[in-house]
């Protein structure tokens, strides 16, 4: 099964990327995912179910530890295939 996760971390800071946003970016960029798109108002990542779910767990833990007060995310099944 293949998954896509879309996520944002808050609070926003338009002048400088907050620590929780930088940590979240580092987590998805280091994960074994097939596609990662990081932007100022939202981020997406795609890959096998195990890789995406592992990245989501790490992302939630690290972003909250780094000061995020909210993490909004959506996970969608985008296809069948490698686990």
Protein backbone atom coordinates (compact mmCIF):
# COMPACT_ATOMS: atom_id res chain seq x y z
CA UNK A 1 0.00 0.00 0.00
CA UNK A 2 1.24 3.49 -0.88
CA UNK A 3 0.37 6.53 1.21
CA UNK A 4 0.58 10.29 0.92
CA UNK A 5 0.80 12.45 4.03
CA UNK A 6 0.11 16.17 4.00
CA UNK A 7 1.05 18.12 7.12
CA UNK A 8 1.61 21.51 8.68
CA UNK A 9 3.02 22.53 12.04
CA UNK A 10 2.02 25.56 14.07
CA UNK A 11 2.43 28.24 15.27
CA UNK A 12 3.35 29.97 12.03
CA UNK A 13 6.08 32.56 11.83
CA UNK A 14 6.21 34.38 8.51
CA UNK A 15 9.56 36.03 9.25
CA UNK A 16 11.57 32.92 10.09
CA UNK A 17 10.95 29.18 9.97
CA UNK A 18 10.35 28.01 13.56
CA UNK A 19 12.32 25.12 15.04
CA UNK A 20 9.36 22.74 14.84
CA UNK A 21 9.00 23.37 11.10
CA UNK A 22 12.70 22.77 10.51
CA UNK A 23 12.59 19.55 12.52
CA UNK A 24 9.54 18.31 10.60
CA UNK A 25 11.30 19.06 7.31
CA UNK A 26 14.43 17.20 8.42
CA UNK A 27 12.38 14.15 9.43
CA UNK A 28 10.64 13.75 6.07
CA UNK A 29 13.79 14.52 4.10
CA UNK A 30 15.72 11.84 6.03
CA UNK A 31 12.95 9.22 5.80
CA UNK A 32 12.93 6.49 3.18
CA UNK A 33 10.17 8.13 1.15
CA UNK A 34 9.72 8.29 -2.62
CA UNK A 35 8.66 11.92 -2.89
CA UNK A 36 8.87 14.90 -0.55
CA UNK A 37 7.60 18.42 -1.24
CA UNK A 38 8.27 20.99 1.48
CA UNK A 39 6.65 24.41 1.28
CA UNK A 40 5.98 27.41 3.51
CA UNK A 41 2.31 26.55 4.15
CA UNK A 42 2.17 22.79 3.70
CA UNK A 43 4.24 19.72 3.09
CA UNK A 44 3.64 16.39 1.38
CA UNK A 45 5.46 13.09 1.34
CA UNK A 46 4.72 9.80 -0.39
CA UNK A 47 5.96 6.27 -0.03
CA UNK A 48 5.22 2.78 1.16
CA UNK A 49 2.88 2.49 4.13
CA UNK A 50 5.56 1.43 6.61
CA UNK A 51 7.90 4.27 5.65
CA UNK A 52 5.16 6.93 5.76
CA UNK A 53 3.74 5.74 9.08
CA UNK A 54 7.20 5.58 10.64
CA UNK A 55 7.94 9.10 9.40
CA UNK A 56 4.61 10.39 10.76
CA UNK A 57 5.35 8.95 14.21
CA UNK A 58 8.81 10.53 14.27
CA UNK A 59 7.51 13.81 12.84
CA UNK A 60 4.81 14.13 15.51
CA UNK A 61 7.16 13.37 18.38
CA UNK A 62 9.99 15.62 17.22
CA UNK A 63 7.83 18.57 16.11
CA UNK A 64 5.99 18.63 19.45
CA UNK A 65 9.30 18.38 21.34
CA UNK A 66 10.58 21.32 19.27
CA UNK A 67 7.67 23.56 20.26
CA UNK A 68 4.81 22.86 17.87
CA UNK A 69 1.46 23.57 19.49
CA UNK A 70 -0.49 21.90 16.67
CA UNK A 71 0.33 19.45 13.92
CA UNK A 72 -2.35 19.02 11.28
CA UNK A 73 -2.04 16.06 8.99
CA UNK A 74 -3.96 13.99 6.53
CA UNK A 75 -2.99 10.54 5.30
CA UNK A 76 -4.41 9.17 2.04
CA UNK A 77 -4.06 5.80 0.37
CA UNK A 78 -2.80 6.53 -3.14
CA UNK A 79 -2.23 3.03 -4.45
CA UNK A 80 -1.37 -0.56 -3.86
CA UNK A 81 2.18 -1.82 -4.04
CA UNK A 82 5.20 -2.19 -1.80
CA UNK A 83 4.60 -2.18 1.91
